[in-house]
Amino acid sequence: MRRHIVAFAAALVAILAIGTPAYAEPPVDPYQAYVDPDCLSFVEQPGVKEFRDMIMSRVGGANGGIFACSGYEHGEGRAWDWMREASRPAEKAQVEAVLDWLLATDAAGNPHAMARRLGIGNIIWNRRSISLWTSSAKRWNDYPCDGTAGGCHTNHVHFAFSWAGARKQTTWFTTPDRPGNWYPGGSSSTSDTAVTQSSVIVNPVNGNIQVYANSGGRLVETYWSEAAGWVRNDMGLSISGAPSVILNPANGNVQVYMNYGGQLAEMYWSPATGWSGLNPLGGSITGHPVAIVNPHNQNVQIYYNAGGQLAEQYWVPSTGTWSGQHELGGSISGSPAVFVNPHNQHVQIHYNSGGQLAEQYWHPATGWSGQNSLGGTMSGDPAIIVNPHNQNVQIYYNGGGQLAERYWNPAAGWSGQNNLGGSITGSPAVIVNPHNQHVQVHYNSGGQLAENYWVPGTGAWSGQNILGGTMTSDPAIVVNPHNQNLQVHYSSNGQLAENYWNPAGGWNGHHTVGN
């Protein structure tokens, strides 16, 4: 008996010395056999749809479609076209990064590891193709084509899937809690899965503070009422990017706009009838939309990135109809910000264009200006405010990892870029605090909420203040009319969180809401 105890103790010591075994990834899938495609009735295979939604929500781009009777796997819903332009350096770099991720050799020495885990058998891009079918050479070759952008695949990437990948039977789909390196960029989370400044509204009908967010690819509403506190509703839709919400003064509806499978879509809440169903509006959208009501004509106007250029759709109150997509040109990275300039009544759109701040504006008398490049060094998306103390239009953004500002003065025009320091991840949000009149800029700083504020009396910036918490998205800010709290909302590892400032008590600290 003693020998057994000693043997058991020795084995236990050996186990403890070795340590807990590390998580073992399932073996990489084998290369798949080629199956000659047929042409079926309209169908989009579930694995292809999940891959499309994952790429578009994490990387961006436009949806070129899954099903088409074209002689390729499209005819069986087993292929997807990702719209990216090889002639645009930023889009080309996005594609190359995704292809490097798909075709890289993993730590165990398996070539093309992620493509095999997804069940991808063929990729065509920019006059080249690689086949990963069992019988193929598995190397890049020149792709013979007709000289057109579509035929030569210089305006899109073609991904063809095996039946196992299309049916979600390969390890990328069957493995729970996928490691971060199974996603492009090396993380299973995204920086654009929660909220932006245009994702929150105070409903004047019931006084609720309503926050709309992308939670794990689903549209979720989390609202606060004075009687019930926070309540969370899954709206039952799969979306990419963050939603945008407005109050339509023409009908009193709360209207939510979103990227739904690469096209613009809306849902609205009517005080009389409650929520509508989904209303697809078409077009081609990358990232997330931003909505505004034009005070000159009362049109509801939606702006977004359509394959790398600025686009709009608008709704006309007198007819109750949508315009369809209008492409305004220019070159846009990410998603835009929009506001109405009170000095000249311009509807101004600001955005990242190839790493610089740019604008387009609409004047009631003359229409659209075309793109104006304002320069500077810019990452992410901008945030805009009109400073009531000096009437400046002030734009805040990520200036290469630190907070930056440019402002427009009615008398002097645009300033240059002012670097305000600190350390910023993603894009900021800005508000004028009605209690102390500070211009407050909030942002993600290394995974924590931070602020930098401007004091009217001194004209000086506070410098970066870390407010703590765990933050995995950009912020949205609102003033609660019931208790006058200034509330900052953001995603915290997939949950909606807030930190609020009370005029009497200061900052409350990080906590999750509505879960």
Protein backbone atom coordinates (compact mmCIF):
# COMPACT_ATOMS: atom_id res chain seq x y z
CA MET A 1 0.00 0.00 0.00
CA ARG A 2 2.80 2.38 0.93
CA ARG A 3 4.50 1.69 -2.42
CA HIS A 4 1.28 2.72 -4.21
CA ILE A 5 1.08 5.96 -2.20
CA VAL A 6 4.73 6.75 -2.93
CA ALA A 7 4.24 6.01 -6.62
CA PHE A 8 1.12 8.21 -6.71
CA ALA A 9 2.97 11.03 -4.92
CA ALA A 10 5.86 10.78 -7.35
CA ALA A 11 3.49 10.92 -10.29
CA LEU A 12 1.71 13.94 -8.77
CA VAL A 13 5.03 15.71 -8.25
CA ALA A 14 5.94 14.97 -11.87
CA ILE A 15 2.62 16.40 -13.09
CA LEU A 16 3.03 19.53 -10.97
CA ALA A 17 6.59 19.94 -12.19
CA ILE A 18 5.44 19.75 -15.81
CA GLY A 19 2.55 22.16 -15.18
CA THR A 20 -0.92 22.26 -16.58
CA PRO A 21 -0.93 21.19 -20.23
CA ALA A 22 -1.38 24.12 -22.62
CA TYR A 23 -4.47 24.40 -24.77
CA ALA A 24 -4.01 22.05 -27.73
CA GLU A 25 -5.34 23.32 -31.02
CA PRO A 26 -7.10 20.73 -33.16
CA PRO A 27 -5.01 19.43 -36.07
CA VAL A 28 -5.08 21.52 -39.22
CA ASP A 29 -7.61 20.31 -41.77
CA PRO A 30 -6.32 18.46 -44.84
CA TYR A 31 -6.40 20.11 -48.23
CA GLN A 32 -9.83 19.60 -49.78
CA ALA A 33 -10.70 17.86 -53.03
CA TYR A 34 -11.94 19.95 -55.94
CA VAL A 35 -15.62 19.46 -56.81
CA ASP A 36 -16.82 20.78 -60.18
CA PRO A 37 -19.46 23.43 -59.34
CA ASP A 38 -23.05 23.38 -60.56
CA CYS A 39 -25.63 26.18 -60.69
CA LEU A 40 -28.33 25.89 -58.03
CA SER A 41 -31.25 28.04 -57.04
CA PHE A 42 -30.23 31.07 -54.99
CA VAL A 43 -28.29 29.94 -51.93
CA GLU A 44 -25.57 31.38 -49.67
CA GLN A 45 -23.74 28.69 -47.72
CA PRO A 46 -23.41 29.40 -43.97
CA GLY A 47 -19.62 29.11 -43.75
CA VAL A 48 -19.15 31.57 -46.61
CA LYS A 49 -21.53 34.05 -44.97
CA GLU A 50 -19.70 33.81 -41.64
CA PHE A 51 -16.32 34.36 -43.32
CA ARG A 52 -17.75 37.37 -45.23
CA ASP A 53 -19.17 38.94 -42.07
CA MET A 54 -15.96 38.31 -40.13
CA ILE A 55 -13.73 39.93 -42.76
CA MET A 56 -16.00 42.92 -43.30
CA SER A 57 -16.49 43.63 -39.60
CA ARG A 58 -12.80 43.28 -38.73
CA VAL A 59 -11.05 44.57 -41.85
CA GLY A 60 -13.64 46.51 -43.85
CA GLY A 61 -14.36 46.51 -47.56
CA ALA A 62 -17.52 46.00 -49.57
CA ASN A 63 -19.60 42.93 -50.28
CA GLY A 64 -19.48 41.78 -53.91
CA GLY A 65 -21.86 38.91 -53.35
CA ILE A 66 -21.88 35.16 -52.83
CA PHE A 67 -24.35 33.68 -55.30
CA ALA A 68 -24.07 33.98 -59.10
CA CYS A 69 -24.31 31.45 -61.91
CA SER A 70 -20.88 32.35 -63.23
CA GLY A 71 -19.22 28.96 -63.69
CA TYR A 72 -17.40 29.28 -60.38
CA GLU A 73 -18.37 28.02 -56.93
CA HIS A 74 -20.64 31.10 -56.73
CA GLY A 75 -23.32 28.97 -58.43
CA GLU A 76 -23.53 26.80 -55.31
CA GLY A 77 -23.14 29.66 -52.84
CA ARG A 78 -19.56 28.50 -52.12
CA ALA A 79 -17.63 31.63 -53.14
CA TRP A 80 -17.48 35.24 -52.03
CA ASP A 81 -16.16 38.37 -53.76
CA TRP A 82 -14.56 40.93 -51.44
CA MET A 83 -14.56 44.31 -53.19
CA ARG A 84 -11.12 45.92 -52.87
CA GLU A 85 -9.21 47.99 -55.44
CA ALA A 86 -5.64 46.92 -56.23
CA SER A 87 -4.96 50.47 -57.48
CA ARG A 88 -5.61 51.95 -54.03
CA PRO A 89 -2.58 51.43 -51.75
CA ALA A 90 -4.59 51.26 -48.51
CA GLU A 91 -7.03 48.68 -49.89
CA LYS A 92 -4.26 46.65 -51.49
CA ALA A 93 -2.45 46.57 -48.15
CA GLN A 94 -5.63 45.32 -46.44
CA VAL A 95 -5.92 42.47 -48.92
CA GLU A 96 -2.26 41.51 -48.68
CA ALA A 97 -2.51 41.39 -44.87
CA VAL A 98 -5.54 39.06 -45.03
CA LEU A 99 -3.85 36.83 -47.63
CA ASP A 100 -0.68 36.66 -45.54
CA TRP A 101 -2.80 35.58 -42.56
CA LEU A 102 -4.66 32.93 -44.58
CA LEU A 103 -1.59 31.46 -46.26
CA ALA A 104 0.96 31.65 -43.44
CA THR A 105 2.67 28.55 -42.10
CA ASP A 106 1.65 27.98 -38.48
CA ALA A 107 3.88 27.21 -35.49
CA ALA A 108 3.55 23.47 -36.14
CA GLY A 109 4.85 23.86 -39.69
CA ASN A 110 1.51 23.56 -41.53
CA PRO A 111 1.46 25.73 -44.68
CA HIS A 112 -1.70 27.69 -45.59
CA ALA A 113 -3.00 26.94 -42.10
CA MET A 114 -5.91 29.37 -41.79
CA ALA A 115 -7.10 28.81 -45.35
CA ARG A 116 -7.21 25.07 -44.62
CA ARG A 117 -9.05 25.58 -41.33
CA LEU A 118 -11.64 27.66 -43.19
CA GLY A 119 -11.91 25.21 -46.09
CA ILE A 120 -10.78 27.74 -48.72
CA GLY A 121 -9.65 26.05 -51.94
CA ASN A 122 -8.99 28.89 -54.37
CA ILE A 123 -8.14 32.63 -54.22
CA ILE A 124 -7.96 35.03 -57.18
CA TRP A 125 -6.63 38.59 -56.78
CA ASN A 126 -4.92 41.18 -58.95
CA ARG A 127 -4.16 38.98 -61.99
CA ARG A 128 -2.89 36.08 -59.87
CA SER A 129 -4.48 32.96 -58.37
CA ILE A 130 -3.58 30.20 -55.95
CA SER A 131 -5.34 26.84 -55.79
CA LEU A 132 -5.23 24.84 -52.57
CA TRP A 133 -7.20 21.84 -53.78
CA THR A 134 -5.71 18.40 -53.09
CA SER A 135 -4.41 17.95 -56.63
CA SER A 136 -3.13 21.51 -57.21
CA ALA A 137 0.41 22.90 -57.02
CA LYS A 138 -0.52 25.26 -54.15
CA ARG A 139 1.47 28.25 -55.38
CA TRP A 140 0.65 31.62 -56.90
CA ASN A 141 0.34 31.69 -60.70
CA ASP A 142 -0.52 34.34 -63.27
CA TYR A 143 -4.26 34.47 -63.91
CA PRO A 144 -5.23 34.81 -67.58
CA CYS A 145 -7.93 37.45 -67.99
CA ASP A 146 -9.74 39.72 -70.44
CA GLY A 147 -8.21 43.01 -69.29
CA THR A 148 -11.28 44.22 -67.39
CA ALA A 149 -11.17 45.01 -63.67
CA GLY A 150 -13.72 42.30 -62.91
CA GLY A 151 -12.18 39.66 -65.14
CA CYS A 152 -8.64 40.32 -63.89
CA HIS A 153 -9.83 40.57 -60.27
CA THR A 154 -8.17 43.94 -59.72
CA ASN A 155 -11.34 45.31 -58.07
CA HIS A 156 -12.15 42.29 -55.86
CA VAL A 157 -10.77 39.17 -54.23
CA HIS A 158 -12.43 35.84 -55.07
CA PHE A 159 -12.53 33.22 -52.29
CA ALA A 160 -13.83 29.74 -53.22
CA PHE A 161 -14.72 27.22 -50.52
CA SER A 162 -14.85 23.46 -50.34
CA TRP A 163 -18.16 21.90 -49.36
CA ALA A 164 -16.75 21.19 -45.88
CA GLY A 165 -15.85 24.85 -45.36
CA ALA A 166 -19.07 26.09 -46.92
CA ARG A 167 -21.06 23.88 -44.54
CA LYS A 168 -19.02 24.98 -41.46
CA GLN A 169 -17.54 21.52 -40.97
CA THR A 170 -13.85 22.53 -40.85
CA THR A 171 -11.99 23.36 -37.64
CA TRP A 172 -12.28 27.16 -37.89
CA PHE A 173 -16.04 26.75 -37.54
CA THR A 174 -16.17 23.76 -35.19
CA THR A 175 -13.64 24.97 -32.61
CA PRO A 176 -15.18 26.84 -29.64
CA ASP A 177 -13.22 29.76 -28.16
CA ARG A 178 -10.96 30.15 -31.18
CA PRO A 179 -7.46 31.47 -30.42
CA GLY A 180 -6.85 35.11 -31.28
CA ASN A 181 -4.45 34.27 -34.11
CA TRP A 182 -7.29 32.53 -35.93
CA TYR A 183 -8.52 36.03 -36.85
CA PRO A 184 -6.88 38.63 -39.08
CA GLY A 185 -4.93 41.00 -36.90
CA GLY A 186 -4.39 38.35 -34.24
CA SER A 187 -7.42 39.04 -32.04
CA SER A 188 -10.88 37.51 -31.76
CA SER A 189 -12.27 40.91 -30.75
CA THR A 190 -12.59 44.02 -32.89
CA SER A 191 -12.22 47.71 -32.14
CA ASP A 192 -15.41 48.50 -34.01
CA THR A 193 -17.92 46.13 -32.43
CA ALA A 194 -19.65 48.40 -29.97
CA VAL A 195 -20.59 52.04 -30.20
CA THR A 196 -19.63 55.37 -31.72
CA GLN A 197 -20.75 58.85 -30.75
CA SER A 198 -23.73 58.51 -33.11
CA SER A 199 -24.92 55.28 -31.39
CA VAL A 200 -26.69 56.91 -28.42
CA ILE A 201 -29.84 59.02 -28.12
CA VAL A 202 -32.21 60.44 -25.51
CA ASN A 203 -35.75 59.44 -26.50
CA PRO A 204 -37.97 62.51 -25.94
CA VAL A 205 -41.14 60.40 -25.82
CA ASN A 206 -40.19 58.41 -22.71
CA GLY A 207 -36.96 60.06 -21.57
CA ASN A 208 -34.97 56.83 -21.99
CA ILE A 209 -31.27 56.91 -22.76
CA GLN A 210 -30.94 54.42 -25.61
CA VAL A 211 -27.60 52.94 -26.67
CA TYR A 212 -27.37 50.83 -29.84
CA ALA A 213 -24.38 48.56 -30.21
CA ASN A 214 -22.88 45.72 -32.17
CA SER A 215 -22.50 42.95 -29.59
CA GLY A 216 -20.72 39.96 -31.09
CA GLY A 217 -22.14 40.75 -34.52
CA ARG A 218 -25.70 41.31 -33.25
CA LEU A 219 -27.66 44.55 -33.04
CA VAL A 220 -28.42 45.17 -29.37
CA GLU A 221 -30.35 47.97 -27.69
CA THR A 222 -29.56 48.83 -24.08
CA TYR A 223 -31.72 51.53 -22.56
CA TRP A 224 -31.95 53.27 -19.20
CA SER A 225 -35.26 54.44 -17.77
CA GLU A 226 -35.71 56.31 -14.54
CA ALA A 227 -38.12 53.63 -13.31
CA ALA A 228 -36.37 50.40 -14.34
CA GLY A 229 -32.69 51.25 -14.72
CA TRP A 230 -30.80 49.44 -17.50
CA VAL A 231 -32.53 46.94 -19.82
CA ARG A 232 -30.93 45.02 -22.70
CA ASN A 233 -32.75 43.86 -25.88
CA ASP A 234 -31.29 41.72 -28.66
CA MET A 235 -32.84 43.12 -31.85
CA GLY A 236 -32.36 39.87 -33.77
CA LEU A 237 -30.12 41.15 -36.59
CA SER A 238 -26.57 40.34 -37.67
CA ILE A 239 -24.64 43.53 -38.41
CA SER A 240 -21.11 44.76 -39.11
CA GLY A 241 -19.61 47.80 -37.43
CA ALA A 242 -21.44 50.15 -35.10
CA PRO A 243 -25.00 51.43 -35.66
CA SER A 244 -26.10 55.07 -35.88
CA VAL A 245 -29.34 56.45 -34.40
CA ILE A 246 -31.34 59.66 -34.86
CA LEU A 247 -34.73 61.09 -33.94
CA ASN A 248 -36.71 61.91 -37.09
CA PRO A 249 -38.58 65.19 -36.39
CA ALA A 250 -40.97 64.58 -39.28
CA ASN A 251 -42.60 61.54 -37.67
CA GLY A 252 -41.13 61.23 -34.16
CA ASN A 253 -39.51 57.87 -35.01
CA VAL A 254 -36.25 56.69 -33.45
CA GLN A 255 -34.37 55.43 -36.52
CA VAL A 256 -31.37 53.09 -36.37
CA TYR A 257 -29.04 52.65 -39.35
CA MET A 258 -26.55 49.84 -39.77
CA ASN A 259 -24.24 47.87 -42.05
CA TYR A 260 -26.28 44.74 -42.79
CA GLY A 261 -24.27 42.27 -44.87
CA GLY A 262 -22.50 45.08 -46.72
CA GLN A 263 -25.58 47.17 -47.51
CA LEU A 264 -27.25 50.02 -45.65
CA ALA A 265 -30.35 49.06 -43.65
CA GLU A 266 -32.66 50.64 -41.08
CA MET A 267 -35.01 49.73 -38.25
CA TYR A 268 -37.23 52.32 -36.60
CA TRP A 269 -39.31 52.67 -33.46
CA SER A 270 -42.63 54.50 -33.72
CA PRO A 271 -44.28 55.90 -30.57
CA ALA A 272 -47.59 54.48 -31.83
CA THR A 273 -46.60 51.04 -33.17
CA GLY A 274 -43.23 50.13 -31.67
CA TRP A 275 -40.42 48.56 -33.71
CA SER A 276 -40.57 48.01 -37.46
CA GLY A 277 -38.92 45.12 -39.20
CA LEU A 278 -35.66 45.41 -41.11
CA ASN A 279 -35.72 47.78 -44.10
CA PRO A 280 -32.77 47.11 -46.45
CA LEU A 281 -31.80 50.31 -48.30
CA GLY A 282 -29.21 48.83 -50.66
CA GLY A 283 -25.97 50.39 -51.74
CA SER A 284 -22.54 49.12 -50.73
CA ILE A 285 -21.20 50.05 -47.30
CA THR A 286 -17.88 49.55 -45.55
CA GLY A 287 -17.60 50.16 -41.82
CA HIS A 288 -20.46 51.96 -40.11
CA PRO A 289 -22.87 54.71 -41.21
CA VAL A 290 -23.56 58.09 -39.60
CA ALA A 291 -26.97 59.79 -39.76
CA ILE A 292 -28.08 63.42 -39.51
CA VAL A 293 -31.21 65.49 -40.12
CA ASN A 294 -30.52 68.33 -42.56
CA PRO A 295 -32.14 71.44 -41.02
CA HIS A 296 -32.55 73.11 -44.42
CA ASN A 297 -34.76 70.48 -46.04
CA GLN A 298 -35.48 68.09 -43.13
CA ASN A 299 -34.02 65.19 -45.12
CA VAL A 300 -32.65 62.28 -43.09
CA GLN A 301 -29.15 61.93 -44.57
CA ILE A 302 -26.89 58.89 -44.10
CA TYR A 303 -23.17 59.04 -44.92
CA TYR A 304 -20.79 56.10 -45.20
CA ASN A 305 -17.76 54.57 -46.87
CA ALA A 306 -18.79 52.83 -50.12
CA GLY A 307 -15.80 50.86 -51.34
CA GLY A 308 -13.34 53.61 -50.49
CA GLN A 309 -15.34 56.68 -51.53
CA LEU A 310 -17.84 58.82 -49.65
CA ALA A 311 -21.50 58.03 -50.32
CA GLU A 312 -24.90 59.16 -49.07
CA GLN A 313 -28.50 58.09 -49.06
CA TYR A 314 -31.29 60.41 -47.95
CA TRP A 315 -34.98 60.21 -47.07
CA VAL A 316 -37.35 62.98 -48.19
CA PRO A 317 -40.20 63.80 -45.75
CA SER A 318 -42.60 65.09 -48.41
CA THR A 319 -42.53 61.84 -50.39
CA GLY A 320 -41.44 59.36 -47.71
CA THR A 321 -38.99 57.81 -50.19
CA TRP A 322 -35.28 57.03 -50.18
CA SER A 323 -32.91 58.44 -52.79
CA GLY A 324 -30.76 55.39 -53.35
CA GLN A 325 -26.98 55.57 -53.08
CA HIS A 326 -25.23 58.71 -54.34
CA GLU A 327 -21.45 58.47 -54.59
CA LEU A 328 -19.77 61.75 -53.64
CA GLY A 329 -16.25 60.71 -54.61
CA GLY A 330 -13.06 61.39 -52.78
CA SER A 331 -11.02 58.71 -51.03
CA ILE A 332 -12.11 57.60 -47.56
CA SER A 333 -10.62 55.20 -45.03
CA GLY A 334 -12.81 54.12 -42.15
CA SER A 335 -16.11 55.90 -41.46
CA PRO A 336 -17.09 59.60 -41.59
CA ALA A 337 -18.31 62.16 -39.06
CA VAL A 338 -20.96 64.76 -39.96
CA PHE A 339 -22.39 67.98 -38.50
CA VAL A 340 -24.05 71.24 -39.57
CA ASN A 341 -21.78 74.29 -39.33
CA PRO A 342 -23.87 77.04 -37.68
CA HIS A 343 -21.76 79.83 -39.23
CA ASN A 344 -22.27 79.02 -42.91
CA GLN A 345 -24.99 76.34 -42.72
CA HIS A 346 -22.77 73.81 -44.49
CA VAL A 347 -23.41 70.11 -43.93
CA GLN A 348 -19.79 69.09 -43.35
CA ILE A 349 -18.43 65.55 -43.66
CA HIS A 350 -14.99 64.89 -42.21
CA TYR A 351 -13.07 61.65 -42.63
CA ASN A 352 -9.73 59.91 -42.90
CA SER A 353 -8.39 60.00 -46.45
CA GLY A 354 -5.20 57.99 -46.79
CA GLY A 355 -4.00 58.97 -43.33
CA GLN A 356 -4.93 62.67 -43.57
CA LEU A 357 -7.98 64.63 -42.46
CA ALA A 358 -10.32 65.52 -45.33
CA GLU A 359 -13.72 67.16 -45.75
CA GLN A 360 -16.58 67.51 -48.15
CA TYR A 361 -19.38 69.99 -47.51
CA TRP A 362 -22.82 70.74 -48.90
CA HIS A 363 -24.09 74.29 -49.20
CA PRO A 364 -27.84 74.95 -49.54
CA ALA A 365 -27.24 77.19 -52.57
CA THR A 366 -24.34 75.52 -54.39
CA GLY A 367 -24.44 71.83 -53.47
CA TRP A 368 -21.37 69.64 -52.84
CA SER A 369 -17.82 71.00 -52.69
CA GLY A 370 -15.79 67.95 -53.63
CA GLN A 371 -13.00 66.65 -51.39
CA ASN A 372 -10.71 69.09 -49.59
CA SER A 373 -7.59 67.58 -48.01
CA LEU A 374 -6.74 69.28 -44.71
CA GLY A 375 -3.50 67.41 -44.07
CA GLY A 376 -2.08 66.23 -40.76
CA THR A 377 -1.43 62.64 -39.66
CA MET A 378 -4.56 60.69 -38.86
CA SER A 379 -5.61 57.21 -37.76
CA GLY A 380 -9.19 56.07 -37.21
CA ASP A 381 -12.23 58.33 -37.49
CA PRO A 382 -12.74 61.97 -36.37
CA ALA A 383 -15.07 63.55 -33.78
CA ILE A 384 -16.48 67.07 -34.26
CA ILE A 385 -17.89 69.79 -32.01
CA VAL A 386 -18.63 73.52 -32.14
CA ASN A 387 -17.01 75.29 -29.20
CA PRO A 388 -19.61 77.76 -27.82
CA HIS A 389 -16.90 79.94 -26.25
CA ASN A 390 -14.98 80.86 -29.40
CA GLN A 391 -17.30 79.48 -32.11
CA ASN A 392 -14.52 77.29 -33.48
CA VAL A 393 -15.39 74.06 -35.29
CA GLN A 394 -13.06 71.62 -33.52
CA ILE A 395 -12.11 68.18 -34.85
CA TYR A 396 -10.40 65.55 -32.70
CA TYR A 397 -8.71 62.38 -33.93
CA ASN A 398 -5.98 59.85 -33.39
CA GLY A 399 -2.85 61.56 -34.69
CA GLY A 400 -0.48 58.63 -34.98
CA GLY A 401 -1.13 57.31 -31.46
CA GLN A 402 -1.67 60.61 -29.65
CA LEU A 403 -4.71 62.86 -29.41
CA ALA A 404 -4.74 65.60 -32.05
CA GLU A 405 -6.95 68.55 -32.94
CA ARG A 406 -7.61 70.84 -35.87
CA TYR A 407 -10.04 73.73 -35.68
CA TRP A 408 -11.78 76.11 -38.05
CA ASN A 409 -12.38 79.70 -37.04
CA PRO A 410 -15.04 81.75 -38.88
CA ALA A 411 -12.56 84.60 -39.37
CA ALA A 412 -9.25 82.79 -39.88
CA GLY A 413 -10.14 79.43 -41.45
CA TRP A 414 -8.35 76.16 -40.62
CA SER A 415 -5.53 75.77 -38.10
CA GLY A 416 -2.76 73.26 -38.51
CA GLN A 417 -2.65 70.05 -36.51
CA ASN A 418 -2.24 70.51 -32.75
CA ASN A 419 -0.90 67.46 -30.94
CA LEU A 420 -2.42 67.20 -27.47
CA GLY A 421 -0.36 64.22 -26.31
CA GLY A 422 -1.46 61.20 -24.36
CA SER A 423 -1.80 57.72 -25.83
CA ILE A 424 -4.91 56.87 -27.87
CA THR A 425 -6.20 53.63 -29.37
CA GLY A 426 -9.00 53.85 -31.94
CA SER A 427 -11.10 57.01 -32.31
CA PRO A 428 -12.25 59.64 -29.76
CA ALA A 429 -15.62 61.16 -28.80
CA VAL A 430 -16.15 64.79 -27.71
CA ILE A 431 -18.77 66.80 -25.83
CA VAL A 432 -19.17 70.19 -24.13
CA ASN A 433 -19.92 69.57 -20.46
CA PRO A 434 -22.95 71.77 -19.71
CA HIS A 435 -22.01 72.08 -16.03
CA ASN A 436 -18.51 73.49 -16.33
CA GLN A 437 -18.34 74.24 -20.07
CA HIS A 438 -15.24 72.08 -20.50
CA VAL A 439 -14.62 70.63 -23.95
CA GLN A 440 -14.11 67.00 -22.97
CA VAL A 441 -12.50 64.43 -25.26
CA HIS A 442 -12.76 60.78 -24.24
CA TYR A 443 -10.93 57.85 -25.79
CA ASN A 444 -9.41 54.41 -25.35
CA SER A 445 -5.87 54.62 -23.99
CA GLY A 446 -4.25 51.20 -23.89
CA GLY A 447 -7.50 49.49 -22.94
CA GLN A 448 -8.63 52.06 -20.35
CA LEU A 449 -10.97 55.03 -20.56
CA ALA A 450 -9.11 58.36 -20.67
CA GLU A 451 -9.98 62.03 -21.05
CA ASN A 452 -8.31 65.29 -21.98
CA TYR A 453 -10.33 68.48 -21.43
CA TRP A 454 -10.05 72.14 -22.36
CA VAL A 455 -10.91 74.83 -19.79
CA PRO A 456 -12.56 78.01 -21.16
CA GLY A 457 -11.22 80.30 -18.44
CA THR A 458 -7.57 79.50 -19.12
CA GLY A 459 -7.71 78.17 -22.68
CA ALA A 460 -5.44 75.35 -21.50
CA TRP A 461 -5.70 71.56 -21.88
CA SER A 462 -5.68 69.35 -18.81
CA GLY A 463 -3.42 66.69 -20.20
CA GLN A 464 -4.41 63.03 -20.25
CA ASN A 465 -6.36 61.69 -17.27
CA ILE A 466 -6.76 57.90 -17.02
CA LEU A 467 -10.23 57.00 -15.72
CA GLY A 468 -9.62 53.24 -15.65
CA GLY A 469 -11.87 50.33 -16.44
CA THR A 470 -11.46 47.76 -19.21
CA MET A 471 -12.29 49.23 -22.62
CA THR A 472 -12.37 47.39 -25.96
CA SER A 473 -14.06 49.92 -28.28
CA ASP A 474 -14.46 53.58 -29.03
CA PRO A 475 -16.64 55.64 -26.62
CA ALA A 476 -19.99 57.41 -26.91
CA ILE A 477 -21.01 60.28 -24.62
CA VAL A 478 -24.43 61.56 -23.52
CA VAL A 479 -25.82 63.89 -20.82
CA ASN A 480 -28.61 62.26 -18.81
CA PRO A 481 -31.41 64.86 -18.53
CA HIS A 482 -32.85 63.19 -15.42
CA ASN A 483 -29.80 63.35 -13.14
CA GLN A 484 -27.47 65.58 -15.23
CA ASN A 485 -24.77 62.90 -15.25
CA LEU A 486 -22.29 62.97 -18.11
CA GLN A 487 -22.24 59.32 -19.20
CA VAL A 488 -19.49 57.69 -21.27
CA HIS A 489 -20.44 54.32 -22.80
CA TYR A 490 -18.13 51.76 -24.38
CA SER A 491 -17.61 48.04 -24.87
CA SER A 492 -15.79 46.05 -22.22
CA ASN A 493 -14.94 42.58 -23.57
CA GLY A 494 -18.30 42.28 -25.30
CA GLN A 495 -20.42 43.92 -22.59
CA LEU A 496 -21.73 47.48 -22.59
CA ALA A 497 -20.07 49.52 -19.85
CA GLU A 498 -20.19 53.08 -18.57
CA ASN A 499 -18.34 55.54 -16.40
CA TYR A 500 -20.32 58.63 -15.45
CA TRP A 501 -19.44 62.02 -14.01
CA ASN A 502 -21.79 63.69 -11.57
CA PRO A 503 -21.54 67.46 -10.93
CA ALA A 504 -21.46 66.85 -7.18
CA GLY A 505 -19.50 63.61 -6.89
CA GLY A 506 -17.18 63.47 -9.89
CA TRP A 507 -16.41 60.20 -11.69
CA ASN A 508 -18.28 57.08 -10.54
CA GLY A 509 -15.93 54.41 -11.90
CA HIS A 510 -16.26 51.64 -14.47
CA HIS A 511 -19.22 49.25 -14.40
CA THR A 512 -21.09 47.11 -16.92
CA VAL A 513 -24.78 47.77 -17.63
CA GLY A 514 -27.82 45.93 -18.94
CA ASN A 515 -26.37 42.42 -18.77
